[in-house]
N, C-alpha and C. Protein backbone atom coordinates (compact mmCIF):
# COMPACT_ATOMS: atom_id res chain seq x y z
N MET A 1 99.91 106.82 113.36
CA MET A 1 101.33 107.12 113.36
C MET A 1 101.62 108.07 112.22
N GLN A 2 102.50 109.03 112.46
CA GLN A 2 102.92 109.96 111.42
C GLN A 2 104.30 109.57 110.94
N LEU A 3 104.46 109.47 109.62
CA LEU A 3 105.74 109.07 109.03
C LEU A 3 106.11 109.99 107.88
N PRO A 4 107.41 110.29 107.72
CA PRO A 4 107.84 110.89 106.46
C PRO A 4 107.69 109.84 105.37
N LEU A 5 107.30 110.27 104.18
CA LEU A 5 107.02 109.34 103.08
C LEU A 5 108.03 109.49 101.96
N PHE A 6 108.43 108.38 101.39
CA PHE A 6 109.35 108.35 100.26
C PHE A 6 108.63 107.66 99.11
N PRO A 7 108.06 108.43 98.17
CA PRO A 7 107.38 107.81 97.03
C PRO A 7 108.39 107.31 95.99
N LEU A 8 108.32 106.03 95.69
CA LEU A 8 109.21 105.40 94.71
C LEU A 8 108.46 104.32 93.96
N ARG A 9 108.99 103.91 92.84
CA ARG A 9 108.41 102.77 92.12
C ARG A 9 108.79 101.46 92.79
N LEU A 10 109.75 101.53 93.70
CA LEU A 10 110.24 100.36 94.43
C LEU A 10 109.12 99.76 95.28
N TYR A 11 109.08 98.45 95.30
CA TYR A 11 108.05 97.69 96.02
C TYR A 11 108.75 96.81 97.03
N VAL A 12 108.65 97.19 98.31
CA VAL A 12 109.25 96.41 99.39
C VAL A 12 108.13 96.04 100.36
N LEU A 13 108.05 94.77 100.68
CA LEU A 13 107.05 94.27 101.62
C LEU A 13 107.74 93.90 102.93
N PRO A 14 106.99 93.61 103.99
CA PRO A 14 107.63 93.23 105.25
C PRO A 14 108.64 92.10 105.05
N GLY A 15 109.82 92.29 105.64
CA GLY A 15 110.90 91.32 105.48
C GLY A 15 111.77 91.58 104.26
N GLY A 16 111.32 92.45 103.35
CA GLY A 16 112.08 92.75 102.15
C GLY A 16 113.23 93.71 102.45
N VAL A 17 114.29 93.62 101.66
CA VAL A 17 115.49 94.44 101.85
C VAL A 17 115.83 95.09 100.52
N SER A 18 116.24 96.35 100.58
CA SER A 18 116.66 97.04 99.37
C SER A 18 117.67 98.12 99.75
N LYS A 19 118.38 98.60 98.74
CA LYS A 19 119.35 99.68 98.94
C LYS A 19 118.88 100.90 98.15
N LEU A 20 119.06 102.07 98.73
CA LEU A 20 118.66 103.32 98.09
C LEU A 20 119.83 104.31 98.08
N ARG A 21 119.87 105.13 97.05
CA ARG A 21 120.81 106.25 96.99
C ARG A 21 120.05 107.51 97.34
N ILE A 22 120.58 108.27 98.28
CA ILE A 22 119.92 109.50 98.73
C ILE A 22 120.72 110.69 98.21
N PHE A 23 120.05 111.56 97.42
CA PHE A 23 120.77 112.69 96.88
C PHE A 23 120.01 114.01 96.99
N GLU A 24 118.70 113.96 97.21
CA GLU A 24 117.94 115.20 97.35
C GLU A 24 117.92 115.63 98.82
N PRO A 25 118.04 116.95 99.07
CA PRO A 25 118.03 117.43 100.46
C PRO A 25 116.80 116.99 101.26
N ARG A 26 115.64 116.93 100.62
CA ARG A 26 114.44 116.53 101.36
C ARG A 26 114.54 115.08 101.84
N TYR A 27 115.22 114.23 101.06
CA TYR A 27 115.34 112.84 101.48
C TYR A 27 116.50 112.63 102.46
N THR A 28 117.49 113.54 102.44
CA THR A 28 118.49 113.54 103.50
C THR A 28 117.79 113.87 104.81
N ARG A 29 116.87 114.83 104.77
CA ARG A 29 116.07 115.17 105.95
C ARG A 29 115.22 113.98 106.39
N LEU A 30 114.62 113.27 105.44
CA LEU A 30 113.83 112.08 105.75
C LEU A 30 114.67 111.05 106.50
N VAL A 31 115.91 110.82 106.05
CA VAL A 31 116.80 109.86 106.71
C VAL A 31 117.08 110.31 108.14
N THR A 32 117.36 111.60 108.33
CA THR A 32 117.62 112.15 109.66
C THR A 32 116.41 111.94 110.57
N LEU A 33 115.22 112.26 110.06
CA LEU A 33 113.99 112.08 110.86
C LEU A 33 113.76 110.61 111.18
N ALA A 34 113.96 109.75 110.20
CA ALA A 34 113.73 108.31 110.40
C ALA A 34 114.67 107.74 111.45
N MET A 35 115.92 108.17 111.41
CA MET A 35 116.92 107.66 112.36
C MET A 35 116.66 108.21 113.77
N SER A 36 116.28 109.48 113.86
CA SER A 36 116.09 110.09 115.19
C SER A 36 114.81 109.60 115.86
N SER A 37 113.77 109.31 115.10
CA SER A 37 112.51 108.87 115.69
C SER A 37 112.53 107.38 116.05
N GLY A 38 113.32 106.61 115.30
CA GLY A 38 113.32 105.16 115.48
C GLY A 38 112.16 104.47 114.80
N ASP A 39 111.26 105.23 114.17
CA ASP A 39 110.09 104.67 113.50
C ASP A 39 110.34 104.34 112.03
N GLY A 40 111.46 104.79 111.50
CA GLY A 40 111.72 104.58 110.09
C GLY A 40 110.95 105.57 109.24
N PHE A 41 110.60 105.16 108.02
CA PHE A 41 109.82 106.02 107.13
C PHE A 41 108.89 105.16 106.30
N GLY A 42 107.97 105.82 105.63
CA GLY A 42 107.01 105.11 104.80
C GLY A 42 107.45 105.08 103.35
N LEU A 43 107.60 103.89 102.82
CA LEU A 43 107.90 103.72 101.41
C LEU A 43 106.56 103.51 100.71
N CYS A 44 106.25 104.38 99.77
CA CYS A 44 104.94 104.26 99.09
C CYS A 44 105.13 104.46 97.60
N MET A 45 104.18 103.97 96.85
CA MET A 45 104.23 104.05 95.40
C MET A 45 103.37 105.22 94.93
N LYS A 46 103.61 105.63 93.69
CA LYS A 46 102.81 106.69 93.09
C LYS A 46 102.07 106.12 91.89
N ASP A 47 100.88 106.65 91.66
CA ASP A 47 100.11 106.35 90.46
C ASP A 47 99.94 107.69 89.76
N GLY A 48 100.78 107.96 88.76
CA GLY A 48 100.81 109.30 88.18
C GLY A 48 101.40 110.26 89.20
N ASP A 49 100.67 111.33 89.50
CA ASP A 49 101.12 112.29 90.51
C ASP A 49 100.55 112.00 91.88
N SER A 50 99.67 111.02 91.99
CA SER A 50 99.01 110.72 93.26
C SER A 50 99.73 109.62 94.02
N LEU A 51 99.72 109.75 95.34
CA LEU A 51 100.27 108.67 96.18
C LEU A 51 99.27 107.53 96.22
N CYS A 52 99.78 106.32 96.19
CA CYS A 52 98.93 105.15 96.33
C CYS A 52 98.48 105.02 97.79
N HIS A 53 97.45 104.25 97.99
CA HIS A 53 96.80 104.11 99.28
C HIS A 53 97.62 103.30 100.29
N PHE A 54 98.36 102.28 99.81
CA PHE A 54 99.09 101.38 100.70
C PHE A 54 100.60 101.58 100.56
N GLY A 55 101.31 101.36 101.65
CA GLY A 55 102.76 101.46 101.65
C GLY A 55 103.35 100.52 102.68
N THR A 56 104.66 100.60 102.85
CA THR A 56 105.37 99.77 103.81
C THR A 56 106.27 100.65 104.67
N ARG A 57 106.13 100.49 105.98
CA ARG A 57 107.05 101.18 106.89
C ARG A 57 108.35 100.41 106.85
N VAL A 58 109.45 101.13 106.63
CA VAL A 58 110.76 100.53 106.54
C VAL A 58 111.68 101.13 107.59
N GLU A 59 112.65 100.35 108.00
CA GLU A 59 113.70 100.82 108.90
C GLU A 59 115.01 100.85 108.14
N ILE A 60 115.86 101.79 108.52
CA ILE A 60 117.20 101.87 107.94
C ILE A 60 118.09 100.94 108.76
N THR A 61 118.66 99.94 108.09
CA THR A 61 119.49 98.96 108.80
C THR A 61 120.98 99.21 108.61
N ASP A 62 121.35 100.01 107.61
CA ASP A 62 122.75 100.30 107.37
C ASP A 62 122.84 101.54 106.48
N PHE A 63 123.98 102.19 106.53
CA PHE A 63 124.22 103.33 105.64
C PHE A 63 125.70 103.39 105.32
N GLU A 64 126.02 104.06 104.22
CA GLU A 64 127.41 104.17 103.77
C GLU A 64 127.55 105.36 102.84
N GLN A 65 128.78 105.83 102.70
CA GLN A 65 129.05 106.85 101.70
C GLN A 65 129.43 106.11 100.43
N LEU A 66 128.70 106.38 99.36
CA LEU A 66 128.92 105.71 98.09
C LEU A 66 130.13 106.31 97.37
N PRO A 67 130.71 105.60 96.40
CA PRO A 67 131.89 106.11 95.68
C PRO A 67 131.66 107.50 95.05
N ASP A 68 130.41 107.81 94.68
CA ASP A 68 130.12 109.12 94.09
C ASP A 68 129.88 110.19 95.16
N GLY A 69 130.08 109.84 96.44
CA GLY A 69 129.92 110.81 97.52
C GLY A 69 128.52 110.89 98.09
N LEU A 70 127.56 110.20 97.47
CA LEU A 70 126.19 110.24 97.96
C LEU A 70 126.01 109.27 99.12
N LEU A 71 124.90 109.45 99.82
CA LEU A 71 124.55 108.58 100.94
C LEU A 71 123.81 107.35 100.40
N GLY A 72 124.26 106.19 100.81
CA GLY A 72 123.57 104.94 100.48
C GLY A 72 122.97 104.38 101.76
N ILE A 73 121.72 103.95 101.69
CA ILE A 73 121.09 103.34 102.86
C ILE A 73 120.53 101.97 102.48
N THR A 74 120.50 101.08 103.45
CA THR A 74 119.86 99.78 103.30
C THR A 74 118.61 99.82 104.15
N ILE A 75 117.48 99.42 103.55
CA ILE A 75 116.21 99.43 104.27
C ILE A 75 115.64 98.02 104.35
N ARG A 76 114.85 97.80 105.40
CA ARG A 76 114.15 96.52 105.57
C ARG A 76 112.69 96.82 105.88
N GLY A 77 111.78 96.16 105.15
CA GLY A 77 110.35 96.34 105.36
C GLY A 77 109.92 95.80 106.71
N VAL A 78 109.10 96.56 107.44
CA VAL A 78 108.65 96.17 108.78
C VAL A 78 107.18 95.78 108.77
N GLU A 79 106.33 96.69 108.27
CA GLU A 79 104.90 96.42 108.26
C GLU A 79 104.22 97.25 107.17
N LYS A 80 103.10 96.73 106.68
CA LYS A 80 102.31 97.45 105.69
C LYS A 80 101.47 98.50 106.42
N PHE A 81 101.06 99.51 105.66
CA PHE A 81 100.18 100.52 106.24
C PHE A 81 99.24 101.05 105.17
N VAL A 82 98.20 101.73 105.63
CA VAL A 82 97.30 102.46 104.75
C VAL A 82 97.47 103.94 105.09
N ILE A 83 97.51 104.78 104.06
CA ILE A 83 97.66 106.22 104.27
C ILE A 83 96.27 106.81 104.48
N ASN A 84 96.07 107.39 105.66
CA ASN A 84 94.79 108.03 105.98
C ASN A 84 94.75 109.48 105.50
N ASN A 85 95.89 110.14 105.56
CA ASN A 85 95.99 111.54 105.18
C ASN A 85 97.45 111.81 104.86
N HIS A 86 97.71 112.71 103.92
CA HIS A 86 99.11 113.06 103.62
C HIS A 86 99.20 114.51 103.20
N TRP A 87 100.40 115.07 103.35
CA TRP A 87 100.65 116.45 102.99
C TRP A 87 102.11 116.60 102.60
N GLN A 88 102.42 117.74 101.99
CA GLN A 88 103.76 118.00 101.52
C GLN A 88 104.25 119.30 102.15
N GLU A 89 105.47 119.31 102.65
CA GLU A 89 106.03 120.51 103.27
C GLU A 89 106.77 121.33 102.22
N LYS A 90 107.22 122.53 102.62
CA LYS A 90 107.80 123.49 101.68
C LYS A 90 109.00 122.92 100.92
N ASP A 91 109.79 122.07 101.57
CA ASP A 91 110.96 121.51 100.90
C ASP A 91 110.60 120.33 99.99
N GLY A 92 109.32 119.98 99.92
CA GLY A 92 108.86 118.90 99.05
C GLY A 92 108.74 117.56 99.74
N LEU A 93 109.20 117.46 101.01
CA LEU A 93 109.10 116.20 101.73
C LEU A 93 107.64 115.95 102.10
N ARG A 94 107.20 114.74 101.81
CA ARG A 94 105.81 114.35 102.13
C ARG A 94 105.77 113.66 103.48
N PHE A 95 104.63 113.83 104.14
CA PHE A 95 104.35 113.15 105.41
C PHE A 95 102.98 112.52 105.31
N GLY A 96 102.77 111.49 106.09
CA GLY A 96 101.47 110.84 106.10
C GLY A 96 101.07 110.41 107.49
N GLU A 97 99.78 110.47 107.72
CA GLU A 97 99.18 109.85 108.90
C GLU A 97 98.76 108.47 108.43
N VAL A 98 99.36 107.43 109.03
CA VAL A 98 99.15 106.07 108.53
C VAL A 98 98.66 105.15 109.64
N SER A 99 97.98 104.08 109.22
CA SER A 99 97.54 103.02 110.14
C SER A 99 98.17 101.71 109.69
N ALA A 100 98.77 101.01 110.63
CA ALA A 100 99.42 99.73 110.32
C ALA A 100 98.38 98.69 109.92
N ILE A 101 98.79 97.81 109.01
CA ILE A 101 97.99 96.66 108.58
C ILE A 101 98.74 95.41 109.04
N ARG A 102 98.02 94.46 109.55
CA ARG A 102 98.63 93.22 110.05
C ARG A 102 99.44 92.54 108.95
N ASN A 103 100.66 92.13 109.33
CA ASN A 103 101.51 91.38 108.40
C ASN A 103 100.92 90.00 108.14
N TRP A 104 101.29 89.41 107.03
CA TRP A 104 100.85 88.06 106.71
C TRP A 104 101.45 87.08 107.71
N THR A 105 100.64 86.16 108.17
CA THR A 105 101.09 85.15 109.13
C THR A 105 101.97 84.13 108.42
N PRO A 106 103.12 83.79 109.00
CA PRO A 106 103.97 82.76 108.39
C PRO A 106 103.18 81.46 108.16
N SER A 107 103.50 80.78 107.08
CA SER A 107 102.78 79.57 106.70
C SER A 107 103.76 78.56 106.12
N SER A 108 103.71 77.34 106.61
CA SER A 108 104.62 76.29 106.14
C SER A 108 104.39 75.98 104.67
N THR A 109 105.45 75.63 103.98
CA THR A 109 105.38 75.26 102.58
C THR A 109 104.76 73.87 102.45
N ARG A 110 103.66 73.80 101.72
CA ARG A 110 103.04 72.51 101.42
C ARG A 110 103.74 71.89 100.22
N PHE A 111 103.57 70.59 100.05
CA PHE A 111 104.20 69.88 98.94
C PHE A 111 103.84 70.53 97.60
N ILE A 112 102.57 70.90 97.44
CA ILE A 112 102.10 71.48 96.18
C ILE A 112 102.75 72.85 95.90
N ASP A 113 103.24 73.51 96.96
CA ASP A 113 103.84 74.83 96.80
C ASP A 113 105.36 74.79 96.64
N LYS A 114 105.94 73.62 96.75
CA LYS A 114 107.41 73.48 96.66
C LYS A 114 108.00 74.10 95.39
N PRO A 115 107.36 73.93 94.21
CA PRO A 115 107.96 74.53 93.01
C PRO A 115 108.12 76.05 93.11
N ILE A 116 107.22 76.72 93.80
CA ILE A 116 107.31 78.17 93.95
C ILE A 116 108.50 78.53 94.84
N ALA A 117 108.63 77.82 95.97
CA ALA A 117 109.77 78.06 96.86
C ALA A 117 111.08 77.67 96.17
N ASN A 118 111.08 76.54 95.47
CA ASN A 118 112.30 76.08 94.79
C ASN A 118 112.73 77.05 93.68
N SER A 119 111.76 77.62 92.98
CA SER A 119 112.08 78.58 91.92
C SER A 119 112.71 79.85 92.50
N LEU A 120 112.20 80.28 93.65
CA LEU A 120 112.80 81.45 94.30
C LEU A 120 114.22 81.13 94.77
N GLU A 121 114.39 79.94 95.31
CA GLU A 121 115.73 79.53 95.76
C GLU A 121 116.70 79.48 94.57
N ALA A 122 116.24 79.00 93.43
CA ALA A 122 117.07 78.97 92.22
C ALA A 122 117.42 80.38 91.76
N LEU A 123 116.47 81.29 91.87
CA LEU A 123 116.72 82.68 91.52
C LEU A 123 117.78 83.28 92.44
N PHE A 124 117.71 82.97 93.74
CA PHE A 124 118.73 83.42 94.69
C PHE A 124 120.10 82.89 94.29
N ASP A 125 120.16 81.61 93.86
CA ASP A 125 121.43 81.02 93.43
C ASP A 125 121.97 81.72 92.18
N GLU A 126 121.07 82.09 91.29
CA GLU A 126 121.47 82.72 90.02
C GLU A 126 121.90 84.17 90.20
N TYR A 127 121.36 84.84 91.22
CA TYR A 127 121.66 86.26 91.46
C TYR A 127 122.21 86.44 92.88
N PRO A 128 123.48 86.08 93.09
CA PRO A 128 124.04 86.14 94.45
C PRO A 128 124.07 87.54 95.05
N ASP A 129 124.18 88.58 94.22
CA ASP A 129 124.16 89.94 94.77
C ASP A 129 122.81 90.25 95.41
N TYR A 130 121.75 89.80 94.77
CA TYR A 130 120.40 89.97 95.35
C TYR A 130 120.26 89.10 96.60
N ALA A 131 120.70 87.86 96.51
CA ALA A 131 120.58 86.93 97.63
C ALA A 131 121.36 87.41 98.85
N ALA A 132 122.42 88.18 98.63
CA ALA A 132 123.23 88.69 99.74
C ALA A 132 122.41 89.57 100.69
N ASN A 133 121.31 90.14 100.19
CA ASN A 133 120.43 90.94 101.05
C ASN A 133 119.71 90.08 102.08
N TYR A 134 119.69 88.77 101.86
CA TYR A 134 118.94 87.84 102.71
C TYR A 134 119.87 86.75 103.23
N PRO A 135 120.66 87.05 104.27
CA PRO A 135 121.58 86.03 104.77
C PRO A 135 120.87 84.81 105.36
N ASP A 136 119.63 84.98 105.80
CA ASP A 136 118.85 83.86 106.36
C ASP A 136 117.50 83.73 105.64
N PRO A 137 117.51 83.36 104.35
CA PRO A 137 116.24 83.24 103.63
C PRO A 137 115.38 82.14 104.24
N ASP A 138 114.07 82.34 104.19
CA ASP A 138 113.15 81.36 104.78
C ASP A 138 112.25 80.76 103.69
N PHE A 139 112.81 79.88 102.90
CA PHE A 139 112.07 79.26 101.80
C PHE A 139 110.99 78.31 102.31
N SER A 140 110.98 78.02 103.61
CA SER A 140 109.95 77.14 104.18
C SER A 140 108.70 77.91 104.62
N ASP A 141 108.74 79.25 104.55
CA ASP A 141 107.61 80.09 104.91
C ASP A 141 107.00 80.67 103.64
N MET A 142 105.82 80.18 103.26
CA MET A 142 105.22 80.61 101.99
C MET A 142 104.82 82.08 102.00
N ALA A 143 104.49 82.65 103.15
CA ALA A 143 104.19 84.09 103.19
C ALA A 143 105.45 84.87 102.80
N TRP A 144 106.60 84.47 103.36
CA TRP A 144 107.87 85.12 103.03
C TRP A 144 108.21 84.93 101.55
N VAL A 145 108.05 83.71 101.06
CA VAL A 145 108.35 83.41 99.65
C VAL A 145 107.46 84.25 98.73
N CYS A 146 106.17 84.32 99.03
CA CYS A 146 105.25 85.10 98.19
C CYS A 146 105.63 86.57 98.16
N GLN A 147 106.00 87.10 99.32
CA GLN A 147 106.37 88.53 99.36
C GLN A 147 107.61 88.81 98.54
N ARG A 148 108.60 87.91 98.58
CA ARG A 148 109.81 88.14 97.77
C ARG A 148 109.46 88.06 96.29
N TRP A 149 108.62 87.11 95.88
CA TRP A 149 108.22 87.01 94.47
C TRP A 149 107.49 88.27 94.03
N LEU A 150 106.57 88.77 94.87
CA LEU A 150 105.82 89.98 94.50
C LEU A 150 106.74 91.19 94.34
N GLU A 151 107.82 91.23 95.12
CA GLU A 151 108.77 92.34 95.00
C GLU A 151 109.54 92.26 93.69
N ILE A 152 109.81 91.05 93.23
CA ILE A 152 110.67 90.83 92.06
C ILE A 152 109.90 90.94 90.74
N LEU A 153 108.69 90.39 90.72
CA LEU A 153 107.94 90.32 89.46
C LEU A 153 107.54 91.70 88.94
N PRO A 154 107.56 91.88 87.63
CA PRO A 154 107.20 93.18 87.03
C PRO A 154 105.68 93.35 86.95
N LEU A 155 105.08 93.70 88.07
CA LEU A 155 103.63 93.88 88.14
C LEU A 155 103.26 95.35 88.01
N GLU A 156 102.05 95.61 87.58
CA GLU A 156 101.54 96.98 87.52
C GLU A 156 101.31 97.49 88.94
N THR A 157 101.36 98.79 89.10
CA THR A 157 101.16 99.42 90.41
C THR A 157 99.85 98.99 91.05
N ASN A 158 98.76 98.97 90.27
CA ASN A 158 97.47 98.59 90.85
C ASN A 158 97.46 97.13 91.31
N GLN A 159 98.19 96.25 90.63
CA GLN A 159 98.30 94.86 91.07
C GLN A 159 99.05 94.77 92.39
N LYS A 160 100.16 95.49 92.49
CA LYS A 160 100.95 95.49 93.72
C LYS A 160 100.13 96.03 94.88
N GLN A 161 99.38 97.09 94.63
CA GLN A 161 98.54 97.66 95.69
C GLN A 161 97.46 96.67 96.12
N TRP A 162 96.90 95.95 95.18
CA TRP A 162 95.85 94.98 95.51
C TRP A 162 96.42 93.88 96.40
N PHE A 163 97.59 93.35 96.06
CA PHE A 163 98.21 92.32 96.90
C PHE A 163 98.52 92.86 98.29
N MET A 164 98.95 94.12 98.38
CA MET A 164 99.24 94.71 99.69
C MET A 164 97.99 94.78 100.56
N SER A 165 96.84 94.94 99.93
CA SER A 165 95.60 95.10 100.69
C SER A 165 95.06 93.78 101.25
N ARG A 166 95.62 92.66 100.81
CA ARG A 166 95.14 91.35 101.25
C ARG A 166 95.57 91.07 102.69
N ASN A 167 94.72 90.32 103.41
CA ASN A 167 94.99 89.97 104.81
C ASN A 167 95.97 88.81 104.97
N ASP A 168 96.15 88.03 103.91
CA ASP A 168 97.08 86.90 103.98
C ASP A 168 97.67 86.66 102.60
N HIS A 169 98.51 85.65 102.50
CA HIS A 169 99.26 85.40 101.27
C HIS A 169 98.52 84.52 100.25
N ARG A 170 97.30 84.09 100.56
CA ARG A 170 96.62 83.11 99.68
C ARG A 170 96.40 83.61 98.25
N ALA A 171 96.00 84.87 98.09
CA ALA A 171 95.79 85.40 96.73
C ALA A 171 97.11 85.45 95.97
N ALA A 172 98.18 85.85 96.66
CA ALA A 172 99.49 85.89 96.02
C ALA A 172 99.94 84.49 95.64
N LEU A 173 99.70 83.53 96.51
CA LEU A 173 100.09 82.15 96.24
C LEU A 173 99.35 81.60 95.02
N SER A 174 98.06 81.87 94.93
CA SER A 174 97.28 81.43 93.78
C SER A 174 97.82 82.06 92.49
N PHE A 175 98.11 83.35 92.55
CA PHE A 175 98.67 84.06 91.40
C PHE A 175 100.01 83.45 91.00
N LEU A 176 100.86 83.18 91.99
CA LEU A 176 102.18 82.63 91.69
C LEU A 176 102.07 81.22 91.10
N HIS A 177 101.10 80.44 91.56
CA HIS A 177 100.90 79.12 90.96
C HIS A 177 100.57 79.28 89.47
N ASN A 178 99.72 80.23 89.14
CA ASN A 178 99.38 80.44 87.73
C ASN A 178 100.61 80.82 86.92
N VAL A 179 101.42 81.72 87.44
CA VAL A 179 102.59 82.20 86.70
C VAL A 179 103.70 81.14 86.64
N ILE A 180 104.07 80.62 87.79
CA ILE A 180 105.23 79.72 87.86
C ILE A 180 104.90 78.33 87.34
N ASP A 181 103.72 77.80 87.68
CA ASP A 181 103.34 76.49 87.16
C ASP A 181 103.28 76.51 85.64
N GLU A 182 102.75 77.60 85.09
CA GLU A 182 102.69 77.74 83.63
C GLU A 182 104.09 77.78 83.03
N GLU A 183 104.99 78.51 83.66
CA GLU A 183 106.38 78.59 83.19
C GLU A 183 107.06 77.22 83.25
N LEU A 184 106.82 76.50 84.33
CA LEU A 184 107.41 75.16 84.47
C LEU A 184 106.85 74.20 83.41
N ARG A 185 105.54 74.30 83.13
CA ARG A 185 104.94 73.45 82.07
C ARG A 185 105.55 73.79 80.72
N HIS A 186 105.76 75.09 80.48
CA HIS A 186 106.33 75.53 79.22
C HIS A 186 107.76 75.02 79.06
N ASP A 187 108.52 75.03 80.15
CA ASP A 187 109.90 74.53 80.10
C ASP A 187 109.96 73.03 79.86
N ASP A 188 108.93 72.31 80.29
CA ASP A 188 108.90 70.85 80.09
C ASP A 188 108.57 70.45 78.65
N LEU A 189 108.02 71.38 77.89
CA LEU A 189 107.63 71.05 76.50
C LEU A 189 108.82 70.97 75.57
């Protein structure tokens, strides 16, 4: 599949929602292409000047004119992909030939994983503006919970790329147990 690419530091995984401000002509063109094709666009990260290997195909779910006159769009992650080839056109807009990667299979929350889901739910309660992006959060699906945590946590680009390359959520869950369980133990002291 060929997609226009939007390189950003933003990390959105399947099911993730975010808002973007569009102000450069090349990205206005990207929005037009994404809307007309119905395929959306590829959100990918950069490592220095280079594009990272993995990204997420996103769809535009809403748009608005912002108070400053710029275009605001809401995006939702659909599926991960790997970039096989990419190029840049004269206006600076990048395109990529990408292959989809299977999304993580939903997985029920086990008793041992409840603190991770509960901590995310508490974060949603504490930040209602963020939670508003998810009118139907699924705290009972650990794959969904892990993806939201990975989007929120301040991880290095190479760490985020590594998690994207995984076939399931188990590595992310193990990582989150280390981080969140440690934080919970620290709070109990």
